[in-house]
Amino acid sequence: MYLLSLIIVLSYLAGSIPTGLLVARWAKGLDIRTMGSGNIGSTNAMRVLGWKWGLVVQFGDLAKGLLAVLVIARLHYGDFPFNNRTPFEEFTIVQIIAGIAAVLGHIFSVFLNFRGGKGINTAAGMLVGIAPIDISIALIVFLIVLFSTGYVSLGSISAATAFPTTLFVRFNFLHDNIPSYHTLILFSIGLSLLLIYAHRANIKRLLAGQENRFSKLKLIGKRVGGSMRTMMF
């Protein structure tokens, strides 16, 4: 029990590291919480600091999820402190617990009065270590929505929804053999709901037509529109 508690605390603290805030202060001497959308995530970092520093923030947030499931979770050894009634191996359960703790740390950072980012990148880092096929499909969905609309938030929400949907389709329609599917689908739905909840303000702005858009990233519509105009003239 002591080791599992230690893993949860360490994973939460790792997720709580405010990557965007630290990078903004180090690179530009800015408090990113007072600029742009006020969020510490990579989207606002790209808007405020430029795409290069934004990518640094993004990789840093991804690394927090990976650190939890690939490094911190390995601190566990010996018997699991609870009766394991799931079909998962005990180490996989520890990874899931550590990953969720890291995502919660990112969204509710102890270093920022329990405020933080949206959790998408940290969740993606966690899932790369647990469900690489399904998170890869979710990433493709994110990119399609992003390049079609220019809205990072809409792409993130779509990716969060795509993760459990992919599991459901693979198992029930493609008949893929997914070990521990029934437990994993519940976990994925819970994680997706958490990420969507973290985007609740973005959803309100999207519905009101007030969400910030990266117009330069809206490539698909521009290319289609440009091709049609070329054909007409």
Foldseek 3Di string as FASTA:
>chain_A
DVLLVVLLVVLLQLLQPLLQQVLCCVPPNDRLLVDDPNASALVSCCVPVNNVSSVVRLVSLLVSLLCSQPPSLVSDDDDDPDDDPFQDDPSLVSLLSSLVSSLQCQQQPPVVNGHHHLSQSSNLSSCCNPPVVLLVVLVVQLLVCCQQFQANLVSSLSSLVSSLVVLCCCCPPVVDDDGRSVVVSVSSVVVSVSSVVSCVVVVVCVVVVNHDGRVVSNHPVVVVVVVVVVVVD
